[in-house]
Amino acid sequence: MKKIVFATNNRHKLEEIRKITKGTLEILSLSDIGCHEEIEETGSTLDENAIIKATYVHERYGYDCFADDTGLEVEALGGAPGVYSARYAGEACQAEDNMRKLLAEMEHNENRKAQFRTVIALCCNGEQHLFEGVIRGTITRVKRGSDGFGYDPVFMPEGYDRTFAELGDEAKNQISHRSLATGKMVQYLLDRFQTVNPR
């Protein structure tokens, strides 16, 4: 099974990716390879941040690596919080702070349309590739559910009457933005591996 590093310090993301890729890839964490520094996300787009993190690990540690950046994009807010989703309420904020700010800003807005978008940058065999996953939905008026992380309690995907936090990990991982982007990356790697190592 191919080993690959996921360049994140987010425990929730690491666990989610390992569940999504189970049986296809062996996912190493940054701590697994001795990378304990904080990789600053200085990009102005999701693509740039994902590339920064993947490139940093690949160049300094020599591993095939991928990194993601994910944003919640709310139509009525012009696409905000977007690339600033994790620090929407400030640099040292928690998920609760971000959701509280979002719900306050959306309180009197009838347009609740939003989407989660994940971009994955893959550095592998000297090449760089990008994969994107998008899931559309709406912002609820109150938090609902206790599973998941980030904005999951206030995001209801299209076609469902429950938020990500109410759906649970198994159901969420079948339809989520991160799952869609990861699925594209895994398929690319499997296709490449079969091409390089035909039976």
N, C-alpha and C. Protein backbone atom coordinates (compact mmCIF):
# COMPACT_ATOMS: atom_id res chain seq x y z
N MET A 1 0.85 -1.19 0.00
CA MET A 1 0.00 0.00 0.00
C MET A 1 0.89 1.25 0.00
N LYS A 2 0.58 2.20 -0.86
CA LYS A 2 1.40 3.40 -0.98
C LYS A 2 1.30 4.26 0.27
N LYS A 3 2.48 4.71 0.76
CA LYS A 3 2.53 5.62 1.89
C LYS A 3 2.60 7.05 1.37
N ILE A 4 1.85 7.94 2.00
CA ILE A 4 1.84 9.34 1.59
C ILE A 4 1.56 10.19 2.81
N VAL A 5 2.18 11.36 2.86
CA VAL A 5 2.02 12.26 4.00
C VAL A 5 0.87 13.22 3.76
N PHE A 6 0.03 13.39 4.77
CA PHE A 6 -1.01 14.42 4.75
C PHE A 6 -0.51 15.59 5.59
N ALA A 7 -0.24 16.70 4.93
CA ALA A 7 0.37 17.85 5.60
C ALA A 7 -0.69 18.67 6.34
N THR A 8 -1.03 18.19 7.53
CA THR A 8 -1.97 18.93 8.37
C THR A 8 -1.64 18.69 9.83
N ASN A 9 -1.95 19.69 10.65
CA ASN A 9 -1.87 19.52 12.11
C ASN A 9 -3.26 19.40 12.71
N ASN A 10 -4.27 19.32 11.84
CA ASN A 10 -5.65 19.22 12.29
C ASN A 10 -6.01 17.75 12.50
N ARG A 11 -6.14 17.36 13.75
CA ARG A 11 -6.43 15.96 14.09
C ARG A 11 -7.72 15.47 13.46
N HIS A 12 -8.74 16.33 13.44
CA HIS A 12 -10.03 15.94 12.87
C HIS A 12 -9.91 15.63 11.38
N LYS A 13 -9.17 16.49 10.65
CA LYS A 13 -8.98 16.25 9.22
C LYS A 13 -8.20 14.96 8.98
N LEU A 14 -7.17 14.72 9.80
CA LEU A 14 -6.35 13.52 9.65
C LEU A 14 -7.20 12.26 9.84
N GLU A 15 -8.02 12.25 10.88
CA GLU A 15 -8.88 11.10 11.14
C GLU A 15 -9.88 10.90 10.00
N GLU A 16 -10.43 12.01 9.51
CA GLU A 16 -11.42 11.93 8.43
C GLU A 16 -10.79 11.36 7.16
N ILE A 17 -9.61 11.85 6.79
CA ILE A 17 -8.94 11.38 5.58
C ILE A 17 -8.56 9.91 5.71
N ARG A 18 -8.13 9.49 6.89
CA ARG A 18 -7.76 8.08 7.08
C ARG A 18 -8.98 7.18 6.92
N LYS A 19 -10.14 7.64 7.36
CA LYS A 19 -11.36 6.86 7.17
C LYS A 19 -11.75 6.79 5.69
N ILE A 20 -11.63 7.92 5.01
CA ILE A 20 -12.01 7.99 3.60
C ILE A 20 -11.11 7.12 2.73
N THR A 21 -9.80 7.07 3.06
CA THR A 21 -8.82 6.36 2.21
C THR A 21 -8.50 4.95 2.71
N LYS A 22 -9.19 4.49 3.73
CA LYS A 22 -8.89 3.18 4.33
C LYS A 22 -8.88 2.08 3.27
N GLY A 23 -7.78 1.32 3.26
CA GLY A 23 -7.67 0.21 2.31
C GLY A 23 -7.04 0.59 0.98
N THR A 24 -6.81 1.91 0.74
CA THR A 24 -6.21 2.33 -0.53
C THR A 24 -4.86 3.02 -0.35
N LEU A 25 -4.72 3.80 0.74
CA LEU A 25 -3.47 4.52 1.01
C LEU A 25 -3.13 4.40 2.49
N GLU A 26 -1.83 4.43 2.80
CA GLU A 26 -1.41 4.54 4.19
C GLU A 26 -1.05 6.00 4.44
N ILE A 27 -1.84 6.66 5.25
CA ILE A 27 -1.68 8.09 5.48
C ILE A 27 -0.76 8.33 6.68
N LEU A 28 0.36 9.02 6.42
CA LEU A 28 1.28 9.42 7.49
C LEU A 28 0.97 10.85 7.92
N SER A 29 1.08 11.10 9.21
CA SER A 29 0.87 12.46 9.72
C SER A 29 2.20 13.21 9.72
N LEU A 30 2.14 14.50 9.97
CA LEU A 30 3.37 15.29 10.07
C LEU A 30 4.23 14.80 11.22
N SER A 31 3.61 14.43 12.33
CA SER A 31 4.38 13.94 13.47
C SER A 31 5.05 12.60 13.14
N ASP A 32 4.43 11.80 12.28
CA ASP A 32 5.01 10.52 11.88
C ASP A 32 6.36 10.70 11.18
N ILE A 33 6.54 11.83 10.50
CA ILE A 33 7.79 12.07 9.77
C ILE A 33 8.70 13.06 10.51
N GLY A 34 8.30 13.43 11.73
CA GLY A 34 9.13 14.33 12.54
C GLY A 34 8.99 15.79 12.18
N CYS A 35 7.91 16.16 11.51
CA CYS A 35 7.66 17.56 11.17
C CYS A 35 6.74 18.16 12.23
N HIS A 36 7.28 19.01 13.07
CA HIS A 36 6.51 19.56 14.18
C HIS A 36 6.32 21.08 14.06
N GLU A 37 6.89 21.68 13.00
CA GLU A 37 6.74 23.12 12.83
C GLU A 37 5.36 23.47 12.27
N GLU A 38 4.93 24.67 12.55
CA GLU A 38 3.65 25.16 12.01
C GLU A 38 3.91 25.73 10.63
N ILE A 39 3.19 25.21 9.64
CA ILE A 39 3.35 25.70 8.26
C ILE A 39 2.34 26.82 8.05
N GLU A 40 2.85 28.02 7.86
CA GLU A 40 1.96 29.18 7.75
C GLU A 40 1.21 29.19 6.43
N GLU A 41 -0.08 29.45 6.52
CA GLU A 41 -0.93 29.54 5.33
C GLU A 41 -1.01 31.00 4.92
N THR A 42 -0.11 31.42 4.06
CA THR A 42 -0.01 32.83 3.68
C THR A 42 -0.67 33.12 2.34
N GLY A 43 -1.29 32.12 1.72
CA GLY A 43 -1.92 32.32 0.42
C GLY A 43 -3.22 33.10 0.52
N SER A 44 -3.64 33.64 -0.61
CA SER A 44 -4.90 34.40 -0.66
C SER A 44 -6.04 33.57 -1.23
N THR A 45 -5.73 32.32 -1.62
CA THR A 45 -6.76 31.41 -2.13
C THR A 45 -6.56 30.03 -1.51
N LEU A 46 -7.58 29.19 -1.62
CA LEU A 46 -7.47 27.82 -1.12
C LEU A 46 -6.38 27.07 -1.88
N ASP A 47 -6.31 27.27 -3.19
CA ASP A 47 -5.29 26.61 -4.00
C ASP A 47 -3.89 26.95 -3.50
N GLU A 48 -3.64 28.23 -3.26
CA GLU A 48 -2.31 28.67 -2.85
C GLU A 48 -1.92 28.06 -1.50
N ASN A 49 -2.84 28.05 -0.56
CA ASN A 49 -2.53 27.50 0.76
C ASN A 49 -2.23 26.00 0.70
N ALA A 50 -3.01 25.27 -0.09
CA ALA A 50 -2.77 23.84 -0.23
C ALA A 50 -1.40 23.58 -0.85
N ILE A 51 -1.06 24.35 -1.87
CA ILE A 51 0.24 24.19 -2.54
C ILE A 51 1.38 24.52 -1.59
N ILE A 52 1.24 25.59 -0.81
CA ILE A 52 2.29 25.99 0.14
C ILE A 52 2.61 24.86 1.10
N LYS A 53 1.57 24.25 1.67
CA LYS A 53 1.78 23.20 2.68
C LYS A 53 2.37 21.93 2.07
N ALA A 54 1.84 21.50 0.93
CA ALA A 54 2.33 20.27 0.30
C ALA A 54 3.78 20.45 -0.17
N THR A 55 4.07 21.60 -0.76
CA THR A 55 5.42 21.87 -1.27
C THR A 55 6.43 21.93 -0.13
N TYR A 56 6.04 22.55 0.97
CA TYR A 56 6.93 22.69 2.14
C TYR A 56 7.41 21.32 2.61
N VAL A 57 6.48 20.41 2.79
CA VAL A 57 6.82 19.07 3.30
C VAL A 57 7.62 18.29 2.25
N HIS A 58 7.18 18.35 1.01
CA HIS A 58 7.85 17.60 -0.05
C HIS A 58 9.31 18.04 -0.21
N GLU A 59 9.54 19.34 -0.19
CA GLU A 59 10.90 19.86 -0.41
C GLU A 59 11.81 19.64 0.79
N ARG A 60 11.27 19.73 2.01
CA ARG A 60 12.12 19.62 3.20
C ARG A 60 12.28 18.20 3.72
N TYR A 61 11.30 17.35 3.46
CA TYR A 61 11.33 16.00 4.02
C TYR A 61 11.41 14.91 2.96
N GLY A 62 11.15 15.25 1.70
CA GLY A 62 11.34 14.31 0.61
C GLY A 62 10.24 13.29 0.40
N TYR A 63 9.14 13.44 1.11
CA TYR A 63 8.04 12.48 0.98
C TYR A 63 7.04 12.93 -0.09
N ASP A 64 6.41 11.97 -0.75
CA ASP A 64 5.21 12.29 -1.51
C ASP A 64 4.19 12.80 -0.50
N CYS A 65 3.51 13.84 -0.86
CA CYS A 65 2.71 14.54 0.15
C CYS A 65 1.50 15.21 -0.50
N PHE A 66 0.44 15.35 0.29
CA PHE A 66 -0.68 16.17 -0.16
C PHE A 66 -1.16 17.03 1.00
N ALA A 67 -1.78 18.13 0.65
CA ALA A 67 -2.33 19.05 1.65
C ALA A 67 -3.64 19.59 1.13
N ASP A 68 -4.52 19.94 2.04
CA ASP A 68 -5.79 20.51 1.61
C ASP A 68 -5.99 21.87 2.24
N ASP A 69 -6.83 22.65 1.62
CA ASP A 69 -7.38 23.83 2.28
C ASP A 69 -8.86 23.83 1.94
N THR A 70 -9.65 24.14 2.93
CA THR A 70 -11.10 24.08 2.79
C THR A 70 -11.72 25.39 3.24
N GLY A 71 -12.72 25.83 2.50
CA GLY A 71 -13.42 27.05 2.87
C GLY A 71 -14.92 26.87 2.78
N LEU A 72 -15.62 27.53 3.69
CA LEU A 72 -17.08 27.64 3.60
C LEU A 72 -17.37 28.94 2.87
N GLU A 73 -18.07 28.85 1.75
CA GLU A 73 -18.34 30.02 0.93
C GLU A 73 -19.84 30.31 0.93
N VAL A 74 -20.20 31.43 1.54
CA VAL A 74 -21.60 31.80 1.72
C VAL A 74 -21.99 32.85 0.67
N GLU A 75 -23.00 32.55 -0.11
CA GLU A 75 -23.39 33.41 -1.23
C GLU A 75 -23.71 34.83 -0.79
N ALA A 76 -24.51 34.96 0.27
CA ALA A 76 -24.94 36.30 0.72
C ALA A 76 -23.80 37.14 1.28
N LEU A 77 -22.70 36.48 1.61
CA LEU A 77 -21.54 37.19 2.16
C LEU A 77 -20.43 37.34 1.13
N GLY A 78 -20.80 37.19 -0.15
CA GLY A 78 -19.82 37.36 -1.22
C GLY A 78 -18.74 36.30 -1.24
N GLY A 79 -19.06 35.11 -0.72
CA GLY A 79 -18.09 34.03 -0.71
C GLY A 79 -17.33 33.90 0.59
N ALA A 80 -17.55 34.82 1.52
CA ALA A 80 -16.91 34.73 2.84
C ALA A 80 -17.59 33.61 3.64
N PRO A 81 -16.89 33.06 4.63
CA PRO A 81 -15.52 33.37 5.06
C PRO A 81 -14.43 32.81 4.15
N GLY A 82 -14.73 31.86 3.28
CA GLY A 82 -13.78 31.41 2.27
C GLY A 82 -12.45 30.96 2.83
N VAL A 83 -11.38 31.54 2.28
CA VAL A 83 -10.03 31.16 2.68
C VAL A 83 -9.74 31.47 4.14
N TYR A 84 -10.57 32.33 4.74
CA TYR A 84 -10.38 32.70 6.15
C TYR A 84 -11.31 31.92 7.09
N SER A 85 -11.87 30.82 6.62
CA SER A 85 -12.88 30.09 7.39
C SER A 85 -12.40 29.69 8.78
N ALA A 86 -11.16 29.21 8.89
CA ALA A 86 -10.66 28.71 10.17
C ALA A 86 -10.41 29.82 11.17
N ARG A 87 -10.21 31.04 10.68
CA ARG A 87 -9.91 32.18 11.57
C ARG A 87 -10.87 33.34 11.33
N TYR A 88 -12.10 33.00 11.01
CA TYR A 88 -13.11 34.00 10.67
C TYR A 88 -13.34 34.99 11.80
N ALA A 89 -13.35 34.50 13.04
CA ALA A 89 -13.61 35.36 14.20
C ALA A 89 -12.32 35.88 14.84
N GLY A 90 -11.18 35.64 14.19
CA GLY A 90 -9.91 36.10 14.73
C GLY A 90 -8.87 34.99 14.74
N GLU A 91 -7.61 35.37 14.86
CA GLU A 91 -6.51 34.40 14.77
C GLU A 91 -6.58 33.29 15.81
N ALA A 92 -6.97 33.62 17.04
CA ALA A 92 -6.96 32.63 18.12
C ALA A 92 -8.36 32.06 18.40
N CYS A 93 -9.24 32.17 17.43
CA CYS A 93 -10.64 31.79 17.65
C CYS A 93 -10.84 30.27 17.61
N GLN A 94 -11.96 29.84 18.15
CA GLN A 94 -12.38 28.44 18.11
C GLN A 94 -13.55 28.30 17.13
N ALA A 95 -13.91 27.06 16.83
CA ALA A 95 -15.03 26.81 15.92
C ALA A 95 -16.31 27.47 16.41
N GLU A 96 -16.53 27.44 17.72
CA GLU A 96 -17.73 28.06 18.29
C GLU A 96 -17.78 29.55 17.97
N ASP A 97 -16.63 30.22 18.06
CA ASP A 97 -16.56 31.66 17.77
C ASP A 97 -16.91 31.92 16.30
N ASN A 98 -16.36 31.09 15.42
CA ASN A 98 -16.63 31.26 13.99
C ASN A 98 -18.11 31.08 13.67
N MET A 99 -18.72 30.05 14.24
CA MET A 99 -20.15 29.81 13.98
C MET A 99 -21.01 30.93 14.55
N ARG A 100 -20.65 31.39 15.73
CA ARG A 100 -21.41 32.48 16.35
C ARG A 100 -21.37 33.73 15.47
N LYS A 101 -20.20 34.06 14.95
CA LYS A 101 -20.08 35.23 14.08
C LYS A 101 -20.87 35.03 12.79
N LEU A 102 -20.77 33.84 12.20
CA LEU A 102 -21.49 33.57 10.95
C LEU A 102 -23.00 33.68 11.13
N LEU A 103 -23.51 33.06 12.18
CA LEU A 103 -24.96 33.09 12.41
C LEU A 103 -25.44 34.51 12.70
N ALA A 104 -24.63 35.29 13.38
CA ALA A 104 -24.99 36.69 13.67
C ALA A 104 -25.05 37.50 12.38
N GLU A 105 -24.10 37.30 11.50
CA GLU A 105 -24.08 38.04 10.24
C GLU A 105 -25.20 37.61 9.29
N MET A 106 -25.65 36.37 9.45
CA MET A 106 -26.71 35.85 8.58
C MET A 106 -28.10 35.95 9.21
N GLU A 107 -28.20 36.53 10.39
CA GLU A 107 -29.45 36.49 11.17
C GLU A 107 -30.67 36.98 10.39
N HIS A 108 -30.54 38.07 9.66
CA HIS A 108 -31.69 38.65 8.95
C HIS A 108 -31.64 38.40 7.45
N ASN A 109 -30.82 37.46 7.03
CA ASN A 109 -30.66 37.20 5.60
C ASN A 109 -31.44 35.95 5.19
N GLU A 110 -32.32 36.12 4.21
CA GLU A 110 -33.12 34.98 3.76
C GLU A 110 -32.35 34.08 2.79
N ASN A 111 -31.33 34.61 2.14
CA ASN A 111 -30.51 33.81 1.23
C ASN A 111 -29.50 33.02 2.06
N ARG A 112 -29.75 31.73 2.25
CA ARG A 112 -28.89 30.91 3.11
C ARG A 112 -27.96 30.01 2.30
N LYS A 113 -27.90 30.22 0.98
CA LYS A 113 -27.10 29.33 0.13
C LYS A 113 -25.61 29.42 0.47
N ALA A 114 -24.97 28.24 0.48
CA ALA A 114 -23.54 28.18 0.78
C ALA A 114 -22.96 26.92 0.16
N GLN A 115 -21.66 26.86 0.14
CA GLN A 115 -21.00 25.63 -0.30
C GLN A 115 -19.69 25.46 0.45
N PHE A 116 -19.33 24.20 0.69
CA PHE A 116 -18.02 23.85 1.19
C PHE A 116 -17.17 23.50 -0.01
N ARG A 117 -15.95 24.03 -0.05
CA ARG A 117 -15.04 23.71 -1.16
C ARG A 117 -13.69 23.31 -0.61
N THR A 118 -13.20 22.16 -1.05
CA THR A 118 -11.87 21.67 -0.67
C THR A 118 -10.99 21.61 -1.89
N VAL A 119 -9.77 22.10 -1.74
CA VAL A 119 -8.75 21.95 -2.78
C VAL A 119 -7.60 21.14 -2.18
N ILE A 120 -7.21 20.08 -2.87
CA ILE A 120 -6.07 19.25 -2.46
C ILE A 120 -4.93 19.46 -3.44
N ALA A 121 -3.75 19.76 -2.90
CA ALA A 121 -2.54 19.84 -3.71
C ALA A 121 -1.72 18.58 -3.43
N LEU A 122 -1.34 17.89 -4.49
CA LEU A 122 -0.56 16.66 -4.39
C LEU A 122 0.82 16.88 -5.00
N CYS A 123 1.87 16.60 -4.23
CA CYS A 123 3.24 16.61 -4.74
C CYS A 123 3.72 15.17 -4.75
N CYS A 124 3.89 14.61 -5.94
CA CYS A 124 4.19 13.18 -6.06
C CYS A 124 5.05 12.94 -7.29
N ASN A 125 6.17 12.25 -7.10
CA ASN A 125 7.06 11.91 -8.21
C ASN A 125 7.48 13.13 -9.01
N GLY A 126 7.74 14.22 -8.31
CA GLY A 126 8.22 15.43 -8.96
C GLY A 126 7.16 16.22 -9.69
N GLU A 127 5.91 15.83 -9.54
CA GLU A 127 4.80 16.54 -10.20
C GLU A 127 3.84 17.12 -9.17
N GLN A 128 3.11 18.13 -9.58
CA GLN A 128 2.12 18.74 -8.71
C GLN A 128 0.75 18.70 -9.39
N HIS A 129 -0.25 18.30 -8.62
CA HIS A 129 -1.61 18.21 -9.16
C HIS A 129 -2.60 18.80 -8.16
N LEU A 130 -3.69 19.34 -8.67
CA LEU A 130 -4.76 19.89 -7.83
C LEU A 130 -6.05 19.13 -8.05
N PHE A 131 -6.79 18.89 -6.97
CA PHE A 131 -8.08 18.22 -7.02
C PHE A 131 -9.07 19.02 -6.19
N GLU A 132 -10.29 19.17 -6.70
CA GLU A 132 -11.29 20.00 -6.01
C GLU A 132 -12.56 19.21 -5.73
N GLY A 133 -13.15 19.47 -4.58
CA GLY A 133 -14.44 18.89 -4.23
C GLY A 133 -15.36 19.97 -3.70
N VAL A 134 -16.59 20.00 -4.18
CA VAL A 134 -17.56 21.02 -3.76
C VAL A 134 -18.88 20.35 -3.39
N ILE A 135 -19.46 20.77 -2.27
CA ILE A 135 -20.82 20.34 -1.93
C ILE A 135 -21.62 21.58 -1.55
N ARG A 136 -22.79 21.69 -2.17
CA ARG A 136 -23.65 22.86 -1.94
C ARG A 136 -24.67 22.54 -0.86
N GLY A 137 -25.17 23.60 -0.25
CA GLY A 137 -26.15 23.44 0.81
C GLY A 137 -26.63 24.78 1.31
N THR A 138 -27.07 24.81 2.56
CA THR A 138 -27.58 26.03 3.18
C THR A 138 -27.06 26.16 4.60
N ILE A 139 -27.07 27.40 5.08
CA ILE A 139 -26.70 27.69 6.46
C ILE A 139 -27.97 27.66 7.31
N THR A 140 -27.95 26.86 8.35
CA THR A 140 -29.12 26.79 9.24
C THR A 140 -29.16 28.03 10.12
N ARG A 141 -30.27 28.22 10.82
CA ARG A 141 -30.41 29.40 11.68
C ARG A 141 -29.88 29.15 13.09
N VAL A 142 -29.75 27.87 13.45
CA VAL A 142 -29.18 27.51 14.75
C VAL A 142 -28.28 26.30 14.55
N LYS A 143 -27.38 26.09 15.50
CA LYS A 143 -26.51 24.92 15.44
C LYS A 143 -27.32 23.66 15.71
N ARG A 144 -27.00 22.61 14.95
CA ARG A 144 -27.71 21.34 15.10
C ARG A 144 -26.73 20.18 14.99
N GLY A 145 -26.71 19.30 15.98
CA GLY A 145 -25.87 18.12 15.93
C GLY A 145 -24.58 18.29 16.70
N SER A 146 -23.96 17.16 17.04
CA SER A 146 -22.75 17.20 17.86
C SER A 146 -21.56 16.48 17.23
N ASP A 147 -21.75 15.86 16.06
CA ASP A 147 -20.63 15.19 15.39
C ASP A 147 -19.89 16.18 14.51
N GLY A 148 -18.80 15.70 13.90
CA GLY A 148 -18.06 16.54 12.97
C GLY A 148 -17.24 17.61 13.66
N PHE A 149 -16.87 18.63 12.89
CA PHE A 149 -16.05 19.72 13.43
C PHE A 149 -16.23 20.95 12.56
N GLY A 150 -15.62 22.04 12.96
CA GLY A 150 -15.73 23.27 12.19
C GLY A 150 -17.16 23.76 12.09
N TYR A 151 -17.61 24.05 10.88
CA TYR A 151 -18.94 24.60 10.64
C TYR A 151 -20.01 23.52 10.45
N ASP A 152 -19.67 22.26 10.70
CA ASP A 152 -20.60 21.16 10.44
C ASP A 152 -21.99 21.34 11.08
N PRO A 153 -22.09 21.90 12.30
CA PRO A 153 -23.42 22.03 12.93
C PRO A 153 -24.33 23.07 12.26
N VAL A 154 -23.79 23.91 11.37
CA VAL A 154 -24.64 24.94 10.75
C VAL A 154 -24.75 24.78 9.23
N PHE A 155 -24.21 23.67 8.70
CA PHE A 155 -24.27 23.45 7.25
C PHE A 155 -25.12 22.23 6.94
N MET A 156 -26.18 22.46 6.14
CA MET A 156 -27.06 21.38 5.72
C MET A 156 -26.86 21.14 4.22
N PRO A 157 -26.32 19.97 3.83
CA PRO A 157 -26.08 19.70 2.42
C PRO A 157 -27.37 19.56 1.63
N GLU A 158 -27.31 19.91 0.36
CA GLU A 158 -28.47 19.80 -0.54
C GLU A 158 -29.00 18.37 -0.55
N GLY A 159 -30.32 18.25 -0.48
CA GLY A 159 -30.94 16.94 -0.54
C GLY A 159 -31.08 16.26 0.81
N TYR A 160 -30.66 16.93 1.86
CA TYR A 160 -30.74 16.35 3.22
C TYR A 160 -31.48 17.30 4.14
N ASP A 161 -32.07 16.74 5.21
CA ASP A 161 -32.75 17.58 6.19
C ASP A 161 -31.99 17.57 7.51
N ARG A 162 -30.71 17.17 7.43
CA ARG A 162 -29.85 17.18 8.61
C ARG A 162 -28.53 17.86 8.28
N THR A 163 -27.92 18.45 9.29
CA THR A 163 -26.62 19.09 9.09
C THR A 163 -25.53 18.02 9.04
N PHE A 164 -24.34 18.43 8.62
CA PHE A 164 -23.20 17.51 8.65
C PHE A 164 -23.01 16.93 10.06
N ALA A 165 -23.23 17.76 11.07
CA ALA A 165 -23.02 17.33 12.45
C ALA A 165 -24.08 16.34 12.92
N GLU A 166 -25.21 16.32 12.22
CA GLU A 166 -26.28 15.37 12.56
C GLU A 166 -26.16 14.08 11.74
N LEU A 167 -25.52 14.15 10.59
CA LEU A 167 -25.43 12.99 9.71
C LEU A 167 -24.50 11.91 10.27
N GLY A 168 -23.47 12.33 11.00
CA GLY A 168 -22.48 11.38 11.50
C GLY A 168 -21.35 11.19 10.50
N ASP A 169 -20.21 10.71 10.98
CA ASP A 169 -19.01 10.62 10.16
C ASP A 169 -19.18 9.74 8.92
N GLU A 170 -19.80 8.58 9.09
CA GLU A 170 -19.89 7.64 7.98
C GLU A 170 -20.67 8.22 6.81
N ALA A 171 -21.83 8.80 7.11
CA ALA A 171 -22.66 9.39 6.06
C ALA A 171 -21.99 10.63 5.46
N LYS A 172 -21.43 11.46 6.32
CA LYS A 172 -20.76 12.67 5.85
C LYS A 172 -19.60 12.33 4.92
N ASN A 173 -18.81 11.33 5.29
CA ASN A 173 -17.63 11.00 4.50
C ASN A 173 -17.95 10.42 3.13
N GLN A 174 -19.21 10.06 2.90
CA GLN A 174 -19.61 9.57 1.58
C GLN A 174 -19.94 10.71 0.62
N ILE A 175 -20.25 11.89 1.17
CA ILE A 175 -20.74 12.97 0.31
C ILE A 175 -19.96 14.27 0.45
N SER A 176 -19.06 14.37 1.42
CA SER A 176 -18.45 15.66 1.75
C SER A 176 -17.51 16.18 0.66
N HIS A 177 -17.26 17.46 0.70
CA HIS A 177 -16.33 18.15 -0.16
C HIS A 177 -14.93 17.52 -0.09
N ARG A 178 -14.49 17.21 1.13
CA ARG A 178 -13.17 16.60 1.31
C ARG A 178 -13.14 15.19 0.72
N SER A 179 -14.24 14.47 0.88
CA SER A 179 -14.33 13.12 0.31
C SER A 179 -14.28 13.17 -1.21
N LEU A 180 -14.98 14.12 -1.81
CA LEU A 180 -15.00 14.25 -3.27
C LEU A 180 -13.61 14.56 -3.82
N ALA A 181 -12.92 15.52 -3.18
CA ALA A 181 -11.56 15.88 -3.62
C ALA A 181 -10.60 14.71 -3.39
N THR A 182 -10.72 14.06 -2.24
CA THR A 182 -9.83 12.94 -1.92
C THR A 182 -10.06 11.78 -2.89
N GLY A 183 -11.33 11.53 -3.22
CA GLY A 183 -11.65 10.46 -4.16
C GLY A 183 -10.97 10.67 -5.51
N LYS A 184 -10.96 11.91 -5.98
CA LYS A 184 -10.29 12.23 -7.25
C LYS A 184 -8.79 11.97 -7.16
N MET A 185 -8.19 12.38 -6.01
CA MET A 185 -6.76 12.16 -5.83
C MET A 185 -6.41 10.68 -5.76
N VAL A 186 -7.20 9.93 -4.98
CA VAL A 186 -6.95 8.49 -4.84
C VAL A 186 -7.07 7.78 -6.19
N GLN A 187 -8.08 8.14 -6.97
CA GLN A 187 -8.26 7.52 -8.28
C GLN A 187 -7.08 7.83 -9.18
N TYR A 188 -6.58 9.07 -9.11
CA TYR A 188 -5.40 9.44 -9.91
C TYR A 188 -4.20 8.58 -9.51
N LEU A 189 -3.98 8.42 -8.20
CA LEU A 189 -2.84 7.64 -7.72
C LEU A 189 -2.97 6.18 -8.10
N LEU A 190 -4.17 5.62 -7.99
CA LEU A 190 -4.38 4.23 -8.35
C LEU A 190 -4.16 4.01 -9.85
N ASP A 191 -4.67 4.93 -10.66
CA ASP A 191 -4.48 4.83 -12.11
C ASP A 191 -3.00 4.92 -12.46
N ARG A 192 -2.31 5.83 -11.80
CA ARG A 192 -0.87 6.02 -12.07
C ARG A 192 -0.09 4.78 -11.65
N PHE A 193 -0.44 4.25 -10.47
CA PHE A 193 0.27 3.07 -9.97
C PHE A 193 0.07 1.89 -10.90
N GLN A 194 -1.14 1.73 -11.44
CA GLN A 194 -1.41 0.61 -12.35
C GLN A 194 -0.68 0.79 -13.68
N THR A 195 -0.51 2.06 -14.09
CA THR A 195 0.20 2.35 -15.33
C THR A 195 1.70 2.05 -15.19
N VAL A 196 2.23 2.46 -14.03
CA VAL A 196 3.67 2.25 -13.78
C VAL A 196 3.98 0.78 -13.49
N ASN A 197 3.02 0.09 -12.83
CA ASN A 197 3.22 -1.30 -12.44
C ASN A 197 2.12 -2.18 -13.00
N PRO A 198 2.04 -2.33 -14.33
CA PRO A 198 0.98 -3.15 -14.91
C PRO A 198 1.14 -4.62 -14.52
N ARG A 199 0.03 -5.33 -14.45
CA ARG A 199 0.10 -6.75 -14.13
C ARG A 199 0.69 -7.55 -15.30
